[in-house]
Amino acid sequence: MHWIDISLPTTGSCPETDRQLAEARSLTEEIPDLQERHGLDSPAVTRRMEETGRLLFTAVIAHDPEAFRPDPDRSGASFPADAGGKLGFHLLADRQQVGLPWYWLHNGVEFLLEKYPIVVAEHASRVPEVDPPRLWMQRHSDALFAREGAVDDRGRPEILFVPGHGRDEIRRLMFREADGIDLALAAASTQRGRLRIPGAITPGLLAARAMLYQALHFAAPTSQPPEVSGAGENRWLAGLMAAAGHPDADAVDELVGQDLEILGVDPVEAALDHAMETYARRGVAATVGSGASTAAPDTGWMLEDGPVSPENLGRDSCLPPLVFSNSWCSLGWLGQRFLDAGASTFLGTAIPVFSRPARLFAALFYGFLGDGQGSGCAHRNAALALREKLGPEHPAWLAYGIQGYGSLRLGDL
């Protein structure tokens, strides 16, 4: 696997590029309004992603016409152990640009993600020779020079499942996500990793135990902000159960198609007419397509006993290398914070998405990761597999992004 480094012009150095990127950011920030009008999973959202991706592509090639030339001899970093593909694009961006949805890059014919993994970071793709190195970086380097037939006696890396705050119905969906991930890891050809599902986790417990694991997976509602009003919850849930005739939980999921998530709109009516007129997402416009947010700026993950921030988890360098936050718009307002706090690779959502496709994507990602692919390739292949399941016009396959090192593998953790 060879990652081609593409250095983007720094903010302020190219007025035309700045103008185009600002326009792309504006289009991205309008997506929540588009979702309110048409629905979270409307093809109109996918078309807006394509429009934004074409603008991003134009902005890059205006600066460097050869930026996306798939030549394996171009500068970058090679990782022979990565089983996921031959070439990938690693975009080297400054802090103002890194939060843009670069995985929506579209050349006018297709999304680049259809053919190549795409990762963005403030650093190049090559794993640095730090002193002392992070453990995964040392193992990554050792793998490049491993003797043929060498025996690897390391224990399997462990991924801690961190359930977010939520009502009983929401928590049921979170642990269904855990089951999917667990099955995907068990079915992987290498069976490298295993998921630890401890149940409720407090902020203090997470801070004390995070260093014992090689990855963190946080599960929370993906269609709403971490702080939402509880007004009306009992009303619409009671109405839903009455209208559904009290079927079992799975049947209710199928009836409303929204996995019982609190959307600020009556679920039965939404299932009938796909209307989202009263759907509320506080602060989404300031989050999507940027590296900061006005939504809960001083918090992070909402756990049962309160919030926990990336900054607190990063104290004493106890954050694992891989963090996957399967929660509301996490890429925009948590991605860079987790990387700053010490994580090496971060995956998260860029736009609101229903929980069923969110659960599917998580299981697919860990399945490919367990098969020996690097995080960048696993992200791309999970996206394509989700598109195969939901159809090319469903926006969920483009709802996830990755920042950091696309070469990070489960076997290195």
Protein backbone atom coordinates (compact mmCIF):
# COMPACT_ATOMS: atom_id res chain seq x y z
CA MET A 1 0.00 0.00 0.00
CA HIS A 2 1.42 3.36 -1.03
CA TRP A 3 0.03 6.62 0.31
CA ILE A 4 0.51 9.63 -1.98
CA ASP A 5 1.00 12.81 0.02
CA ILE A 6 -0.85 15.86 -1.33
CA SER A 7 0.17 19.11 0.33
CA LEU A 8 -2.65 21.64 0.25
CA PRO A 9 -1.83 25.37 0.10
CA THR A 10 -1.94 26.92 3.54
CA THR A 11 -4.85 29.18 4.33
CA GLY A 12 -4.14 32.69 3.06
CA SER A 13 -1.46 31.68 0.54
CA CYS A 14 -3.77 31.24 -2.46
CA PRO A 15 -6.82 33.55 -2.60
CA GLU A 16 -8.59 31.54 -5.31
CA THR A 17 -8.19 28.28 -3.39
CA ASP A 18 -9.38 30.00 -0.20
CA ARG A 19 -12.46 31.25 -2.05
CA GLN A 20 -13.34 27.81 -3.39
CA LEU A 21 -12.77 26.12 -0.04
CA ALA A 22 -14.93 28.74 1.68
CA GLU A 23 -17.69 27.99 -0.83
CA ALA A 24 -17.31 24.26 -0.18
CA ARG A 25 -17.57 24.90 3.56
CA SER A 26 -20.71 26.97 3.02
CA LEU A 27 -22.34 24.20 0.96
CA THR A 28 -21.46 21.67 3.65
CA GLU A 29 -22.90 23.78 6.43
CA GLU A 30 -26.21 23.96 4.57
CA ILE A 31 -26.64 20.19 4.70
CA PRO A 32 -28.53 20.15 8.04
CA ASP A 33 -31.19 22.46 6.56
CA LEU A 34 -31.32 20.17 3.53
CA GLN A 35 -31.83 17.19 5.83
CA GLU A 36 -34.61 18.99 7.68
CA ARG A 37 -36.46 19.56 4.43
CA HIS A 38 -35.89 16.21 2.75
CA GLY A 39 -34.78 13.75 5.44
CA LEU A 40 -31.45 12.52 6.77
CA ASP A 41 -31.12 9.82 4.13
CA SER A 42 -32.51 11.70 1.13
CA PRO A 43 -30.72 11.45 -2.25
CA ALA A 44 -30.73 15.26 -2.17
CA VAL A 45 -28.04 15.02 0.53
CA THR A 46 -25.90 12.78 -1.67
CA ARG A 47 -26.24 15.24 -4.55
CA ARG A 48 -25.08 18.06 -2.27
CA MET A 49 -22.09 15.93 -1.25
CA GLU A 50 -21.25 15.46 -4.94
CA GLU A 51 -21.52 19.19 -5.59
CA THR A 52 -19.26 19.95 -2.64
CA GLY A 53 -16.81 17.25 -3.69
CA ARG A 54 -16.46 18.69 -7.19
CA LEU A 55 -15.68 22.08 -5.69
CA LEU A 56 -13.03 20.60 -3.39
CA PHE A 57 -11.49 18.71 -6.31
CA THR A 58 -11.40 21.87 -8.43
CA ALA A 59 -9.77 23.82 -5.61
CA VAL A 60 -6.96 21.26 -5.25
CA ILE A 61 -6.16 20.78 -8.94
CA ALA A 62 -6.22 24.56 -9.50
CA HIS A 63 -3.24 24.65 -7.17
CA ASP A 64 -1.68 21.38 -8.38
CA PRO A 65 -3.06 19.86 -11.63
CA GLU A 66 -1.21 16.59 -10.92
CA ALA A 67 -2.43 16.26 -7.33
CA PHE A 68 -4.54 13.15 -7.91
CA ARG A 69 -2.35 11.42 -10.47
CA PRO A 70 -2.27 7.77 -9.25
CA ASP A 71 1.46 7.20 -9.70
CA PRO A 72 2.99 4.82 -7.10
CA ASP A 73 6.37 6.48 -7.58
CA ARG A 74 5.14 9.80 -6.19
CA SER A 75 6.30 10.95 -2.79
CA GLY A 76 4.57 9.46 0.20
CA ALA A 77 4.90 6.37 2.36
CA SER A 78 4.67 2.67 1.51
CA PHE A 79 3.40 -0.06 3.83
CA PRO A 80 3.72 -3.55 2.32
CA ALA A 81 1.89 -5.17 5.24
CA ASP A 82 -1.38 -3.33 4.50
CA ALA A 83 -3.72 -5.80 2.82
CA GLY A 84 -6.29 -3.20 1.79
CA GLY A 85 -5.17 -1.85 -1.58
CA LYS A 86 -2.37 -0.44 -3.72
CA LEU A 87 -2.75 3.35 -3.57
CA GLY A 88 -4.31 5.94 -1.31
CA PHE A 89 -4.36 9.74 -1.06
CA HIS A 90 -3.16 11.44 2.12
CA LEU A 91 -4.09 15.12 2.22
CA LEU A 92 -1.74 17.27 4.26
CA ALA A 93 -3.81 20.26 5.42
CA ASP A 94 -3.59 23.03 7.96
CA ARG A 95 -5.96 23.27 10.91
CA GLN A 96 -8.44 25.49 9.07
CA GLN A 97 -8.75 22.96 6.22
CA VAL A 98 -8.50 19.61 7.94
CA GLY A 99 -12.16 19.58 8.96
CA LEU A 100 -13.50 19.87 5.41
CA PRO A 101 -15.12 16.71 3.96
CA TRP A 102 -12.21 15.68 1.72
CA TYR A 103 -13.56 12.14 1.36
CA TRP A 104 -16.33 13.67 -0.80
CA LEU A 105 -13.79 14.56 -3.50
CA HIS A 106 -15.51 14.16 -6.87
CA ASN A 107 -13.78 14.53 -10.24
CA GLY A 108 -16.97 15.16 -12.20
CA VAL A 109 -17.42 11.47 -12.99
CA GLU A 110 -17.20 9.66 -9.66
CA PHE A 111 -16.26 10.05 -6.02
CA LEU A 112 -12.53 9.43 -5.60
CA LEU A 113 -13.39 7.25 -2.58
CA GLU A 114 -14.81 4.71 -5.03
CA LYS A 115 -11.25 3.90 -6.14
CA TYR A 116 -8.86 5.16 -3.47
CA PRO A 117 -8.76 5.53 0.31
CA ILE A 118 -8.66 9.19 1.41
CA VAL A 119 -7.22 10.41 4.70
CA VAL A 120 -6.54 13.94 5.91
CA ALA A 121 -4.19 15.14 8.66
CA GLU A 122 -1.94 17.97 9.72
CA HIS A 123 1.04 15.65 9.20
CA ALA A 124 2.37 13.54 6.34
CA SER A 125 1.53 9.86 5.86
CA ARG A 126 4.93 8.53 6.92
CA VAL A 127 4.99 7.19 10.47
CA PRO A 128 7.58 9.28 12.34
CA GLU A 129 10.61 7.91 14.14
CA VAL A 130 9.82 9.45 17.49
CA ASP A 131 11.91 8.97 20.59
CA PRO A 132 10.56 7.18 22.46
CA PRO A 133 8.13 5.84 19.83
CA ARG A 134 4.51 5.06 20.56
CA LEU A 135 4.13 1.30 20.83
CA TRP A 136 2.04 0.95 17.67
CA MET A 137 4.60 2.99 15.71
CA GLN A 138 7.40 0.70 16.84
CA ARG A 139 5.42 -2.39 15.90
CA HIS A 140 4.54 -0.77 12.59
CA SER A 141 8.24 -0.23 11.85
CA ASP A 142 9.12 -3.75 12.96
CA ALA A 143 6.53 -5.18 10.56
CA LEU A 144 8.30 -3.53 7.62
CA PHE A 145 11.43 -5.55 8.38
CA ALA A 146 9.85 -8.69 9.80
CA ARG A 147 11.50 -11.98 8.86
CA GLU A 148 9.44 -14.32 6.74
CA GLY A 149 7.81 -16.92 8.93
CA ALA A 150 8.50 -15.00 12.13
CA VAL A 151 6.21 -15.94 14.97
CA ASP A 152 4.08 -13.15 16.42
CA ASP A 153 3.26 -14.04 20.03
CA ARG A 154 1.56 -10.77 20.95
CA GLY A 155 -1.83 -10.93 22.57
CA ARG A 156 -4.87 -9.79 20.65
CA PRO A 157 -5.49 -6.03 20.87
CA GLU A 158 -8.57 -5.07 22.84
CA ILE A 159 -11.13 -2.46 21.83
CA LEU A 160 -13.10 -0.92 24.67
CA PHE A 161 -16.77 -0.33 23.88
CA VAL A 162 -17.92 2.90 25.53
CA PRO A 163 -21.73 3.33 25.62
CA GLY A 164 -22.95 6.90 25.72
CA HIS A 165 -25.76 8.38 27.76
CA GLY A 166 -29.26 7.56 26.65
CA ARG A 167 -32.66 6.16 27.58
CA ASP A 168 -33.24 2.42 27.72
CA GLU A 169 -34.39 2.26 24.10
CA ILE A 170 -31.31 4.12 22.93
CA ARG A 171 -28.99 1.96 25.02
CA ARG A 172 -30.51 -1.16 23.49
CA LEU A 173 -29.43 0.10 20.09
CA MET A 174 -25.94 0.92 21.38
CA PHE A 175 -25.41 -2.65 22.54
CA ARG A 176 -26.80 -3.98 19.29
CA GLU A 177 -23.96 -2.02 17.70
CA ALA A 178 -21.54 -3.74 20.07
CA ASP A 179 -22.90 -7.15 19.06
CA GLY A 180 -22.36 -6.31 15.40
CA ILE A 181 -18.77 -5.23 15.99
CA ASP A 182 -18.07 -8.31 18.10
CA LEU A 183 -19.40 -10.62 15.39
CA ALA A 184 -17.40 -8.82 12.69
CA LEU A 185 -14.15 -9.17 14.65
CA ALA A 186 -14.85 -12.84 15.38
CA ALA A 187 -15.49 -13.51 11.69
CA ALA A 188 -12.36 -11.69 10.49
CA SER A 189 -9.78 -13.93 8.85
CA THR A 190 -6.96 -12.96 11.21
CA GLN A 191 -9.19 -12.63 14.31
CA ARG A 192 -6.73 -10.03 15.52
CA GLY A 193 -8.84 -8.01 17.91
CA ARG A 194 -11.56 -8.46 20.46
CA LEU A 195 -14.21 -6.14 21.83
CA ARG A 196 -14.61 -5.56 25.54
CA ILE A 197 -18.16 -4.63 26.54
CA PRO A 198 -18.13 -3.65 30.23
CA GLY A 199 -21.55 -1.98 30.40
CA ALA A 200 -21.92 1.50 31.88
CA ILE A 201 -18.67 3.47 32.17
CA THR A 202 -18.18 6.58 34.26
CA PRO A 203 -15.78 9.38 33.26
CA GLY A 204 -13.40 8.46 36.07
CA LEU A 205 -13.43 4.78 35.15
CA LEU A 206 -12.76 5.57 31.50
CA ALA A 207 -9.86 7.88 32.35
CA ALA A 208 -8.34 5.20 34.60
CA ARG A 209 -8.76 2.32 32.14
CA ALA A 210 -8.29 3.90 28.71
CA MET A 211 -4.55 3.21 28.76
CA LEU A 212 -5.22 -0.52 29.15
CA TYR A 213 -6.81 -0.79 25.71
CA GLN A 214 -5.56 -0.36 22.17
CA ALA A 215 -8.67 1.35 20.79
CA LEU A 216 -11.82 3.07 22.00
CA HIS A 217 -15.21 2.77 20.32
CA PHE A 218 -17.85 5.23 21.52
CA ALA A 219 -21.49 4.61 20.62
CA ALA A 220 -24.20 7.25 20.99
CA PRO A 221 -27.14 8.63 18.98
CA THR A 222 -25.84 9.67 15.57
CA SER A 223 -28.83 11.75 14.48
CA GLN A 224 -28.94 14.27 17.33
CA PRO A 225 -26.58 16.41 19.44
CA PRO A 226 -25.26 15.04 22.75
CA GLU A 227 -27.45 17.48 24.69
CA VAL A 228 -31.12 17.40 23.75
CA SER A 229 -34.30 18.39 25.51
CA GLY A 230 -36.31 15.59 27.05
CA ALA A 231 -39.60 17.40 26.43
CA GLY A 232 -42.10 15.22 24.66
CA GLU A 233 -40.12 11.97 24.90
CA ASN A 234 -42.79 10.08 26.80
CA ARG A 235 -45.54 11.45 24.56
CA TRP A 236 -44.11 10.32 21.27
CA LEU A 237 -42.80 7.01 22.59
CA ALA A 238 -46.20 6.14 24.05
CA GLY A 239 -47.87 7.14 20.79
CA LEU A 240 -45.44 5.03 18.81
CA MET A 241 -46.02 1.92 20.89
CA ALA A 242 -49.79 2.37 20.74
CA ALA A 243 -49.75 2.82 16.96
CA ALA A 244 -47.47 -0.15 16.53
CA GLY A 245 -49.75 -2.41 18.54
CA HIS A 246 -46.99 -3.22 21.02
CA PRO A 247 -44.86 -5.45 18.75
CA ASP A 248 -41.42 -6.48 19.84
CA ALA A 249 -38.59 -3.98 19.65
CA ASP A 250 -37.25 -5.19 16.32
CA ALA A 251 -40.67 -4.86 14.70
CA VAL A 252 -40.93 -1.27 15.93
CA ASP A 253 -37.54 -0.57 14.37
CA GLU A 254 -38.80 -1.85 11.05
CA LEU A 255 -42.05 0.11 11.35
CA VAL A 256 -40.53 3.54 11.84
CA GLY A 257 -37.20 2.98 10.13
CA GLN A 258 -35.54 5.30 12.62
CA ASP A 259 -34.45 2.91 15.36
CA LEU A 260 -36.39 4.75 18.07
CA GLU A 261 -34.07 7.72 18.03
CA ILE A 262 -35.39 10.98 19.43
CA LEU A 263 -35.75 13.20 16.40
CA GLY A 264 -38.06 15.92 17.70
CA VAL A 265 -40.80 14.65 15.38
CA ASP A 266 -43.44 11.97 15.81
CA PRO A 267 -41.80 8.77 14.47
CA VAL A 268 -44.97 7.23 13.04
CA GLU A 269 -45.77 10.38 11.08
CA ALA A 270 -42.17 10.54 9.91
CA ALA A 271 -42.38 6.97 8.70
CA LEU A 272 -45.51 7.78 6.73
CA ASP A 273 -44.55 11.04 5.04
CA HIS A 274 -40.78 11.36 5.62
CA ALA A 275 -41.36 14.87 6.94
CA MET A 276 -38.63 16.46 9.04
CA GLU A 277 -40.13 19.94 9.53
CA THR A 278 -39.63 20.04 13.27
CA TYR A 279 -36.33 18.20 13.44
CA ALA A 280 -33.94 20.12 15.70
CA ARG A 281 -30.16 19.98 15.58
CA ARG A 282 -28.69 22.65 17.75
CA GLY A 283 -25.36 23.86 16.48
CA VAL A 284 -25.09 21.50 13.50
CA ALA A 285 -24.39 24.28 11.01
CA ALA A 286 -21.40 25.37 13.05
CA THR A 287 -20.11 21.80 13.27
CA VAL A 288 -20.46 20.26 9.83
CA GLY A 289 -17.48 21.05 7.63
CA SER A 290 -15.42 22.70 10.33
CA GLY A 291 -13.03 21.79 13.06
CA ALA A 292 -14.99 23.48 15.82
CA SER A 293 -18.52 23.69 17.09
CA THR A 294 -20.79 25.79 19.21
CA ALA A 295 -22.44 22.60 20.45
CA ALA A 296 -21.07 21.49 23.82
CA PRO A 297 -17.64 23.04 23.13
CA ASP A 298 -16.22 22.24 26.55
CA THR A 299 -17.41 18.65 26.73
CA GLY A 300 -16.86 15.51 24.75
CA TRP A 301 -18.54 12.15 25.20
CA MET A 302 -21.70 12.12 27.29
CA LEU A 303 -21.52 9.12 29.63
CA GLU A 304 -24.01 7.89 32.21
CA ASP A 305 -22.47 9.98 35.00
CA GLY A 306 -21.49 13.03 32.99
CA PRO A 307 -19.23 14.22 30.18
CA VAL A 308 -15.64 13.29 29.53
CA SER A 309 -13.41 15.36 27.25
CA PRO A 310 -10.60 14.29 24.92
CA GLU A 311 -8.30 16.65 26.81
CA ASN A 312 -8.90 14.82 30.10
CA LEU A 313 -8.39 11.43 28.48
CA GLY A 314 -5.17 12.69 26.90
CA ARG A 315 -3.53 13.55 30.20
CA ASP A 316 -0.42 11.47 30.88
CA SER A 317 -0.59 10.20 27.27
CA CYS A 318 -3.10 7.49 28.16
CA LEU A 319 -5.22 7.67 24.99
CA PRO A 320 -5.09 4.58 22.75
CA PRO A 321 -3.94 5.08 19.15
CA LEU A 322 -7.35 4.42 17.53
CA VAL A 323 -10.54 6.25 18.46
CA PHE A 324 -13.88 5.71 16.68
CA SER A 325 -16.64 8.03 17.87
CA ASN A 326 -19.87 6.76 16.34
CA SER A 327 -21.87 9.75 17.51
CA TRP A 328 -23.46 12.96 16.22
CA CYS A 329 -21.17 14.92 13.84
CA SER A 330 -18.15 13.77 15.85
CA LEU A 331 -15.60 14.35 13.10
CA GLY A 332 -16.17 18.10 13.12
CA TRP A 333 -16.04 18.88 16.81
CA LEU A 334 -14.10 15.96 18.32
CA GLY A 335 -11.68 14.67 15.67
CA GLN A 336 -8.91 17.23 15.97
CA ARG A 337 -9.32 17.40 19.75
CA PHE A 338 -8.70 13.67 20.11
CA LEU A 339 -5.67 13.87 17.79
CA ASP A 340 -4.32 16.81 19.78
CA ALA A 341 -4.86 14.81 22.97
CA GLY A 342 -2.69 11.93 21.73
CA ALA A 343 -4.74 9.61 19.50
CA SER A 344 -3.13 8.67 16.18
CA THR A 345 -6.25 7.98 14.09
CA PHE A 346 -9.81 9.18 14.50
CA LEU A 347 -13.00 8.05 12.74
CA GLY A 348 -16.29 9.83 13.07
CA THR A 349 -19.45 11.10 11.44
CA ALA A 350 -19.51 14.32 9.43
CA ILE A 351 -23.29 14.68 9.17
CA PRO A 352 -26.28 13.37 11.14
CA VAL A 353 -27.13 9.78 10.21
CA PHE A 354 -29.72 7.27 11.39
CA SER A 355 -28.52 4.59 13.79
CA ARG A 356 -29.12 1.55 11.56
CA PRO A 357 -26.61 2.60 8.87
CA ALA A 358 -24.32 3.81 11.66
CA ARG A 359 -24.33 0.35 13.23
CA LEU A 360 -23.80 -1.30 9.86
CA PHE A 361 -20.82 0.92 9.04
CA ALA A 362 -19.16 0.23 12.40
CA ALA A 363 -19.40 -3.53 11.98
CA LEU A 364 -18.13 -3.34 8.40
CA PHE A 365 -15.18 -1.16 9.39
CA TYR A 366 -14.00 -3.51 12.14
CA GLY A 367 -14.48 -6.50 9.90
CA PHE A 368 -12.06 -5.07 7.33
CA LEU A 369 -9.71 -3.90 10.08
CA GLY A 370 -9.71 -7.42 11.49
CA ASP A 371 -8.76 -8.78 8.06
CA GLY A 372 -5.44 -6.95 8.26
CA GLN A 373 -6.31 -3.74 6.44
CA GLY A 374 -5.04 -0.35 7.55
CA SER A 375 -7.57 2.10 8.94
CA GLY A 376 -7.71 4.12 5.69
CA CYS A 377 -8.46 1.09 3.52
CA ALA A 378 -10.90 -0.30 6.09
CA HIS A 379 -12.75 3.03 6.06
CA ARG A 380 -13.04 3.04 2.26
CA ASN A 381 -14.09 -0.60 1.97
CA ALA A 382 -16.66 -0.20 4.74
CA ALA A 383 -18.10 2.82 2.93
CA LEU A 384 -18.35 0.89 -0.36
CA ALA A 385 -19.89 -2.13 1.37
CA LEU A 386 -22.49 0.13 3.01
CA ARG A 387 -23.28 1.67 -0.38
CA GLU A 388 -23.82 -1.83 -1.73
CA LYS A 389 -26.31 -2.53 1.07
CA LEU A 390 -28.22 0.79 1.00
CA GLY A 391 -27.81 1.92 -2.61
CA PRO A 392 -25.57 4.57 -4.23
CA GLU A 393 -28.03 7.42 -3.59
CA HIS A 394 -28.10 6.85 0.18
CA PRO A 395 -25.73 9.39 1.81
CA ALA A 396 -24.68 7.20 4.75
CA TRP A 397 -21.73 5.68 2.88
CA LEU A 398 -20.23 9.17 2.67
CA ALA A 399 -21.16 10.16 6.22
CA TYR A 400 -17.87 9.00 7.79
CA GLY A 401 -14.40 10.49 7.60
CA ILE A 402 -10.97 9.58 8.89
CA GLN A 403 -8.19 11.80 10.19
CA GLY A 404 -4.64 10.86 11.17
CA TYR A 405 -2.66 7.84 9.98
CA GLY A 406 -4.45 5.72 7.38
CA SER A 407 -1.74 3.08 7.72
CA LEU A 408 -2.61 2.17 11.32
CA ARG A 409 -3.52 -1.52 11.46
CA LEU A 410 -5.13 -3.61 14.17
CA GLY A 411 -2.10 -5.87 14.09
CA ASP A 412 0.14 -2.98 15.16
CA LEU A 413 -1.91 -2.15 18.25
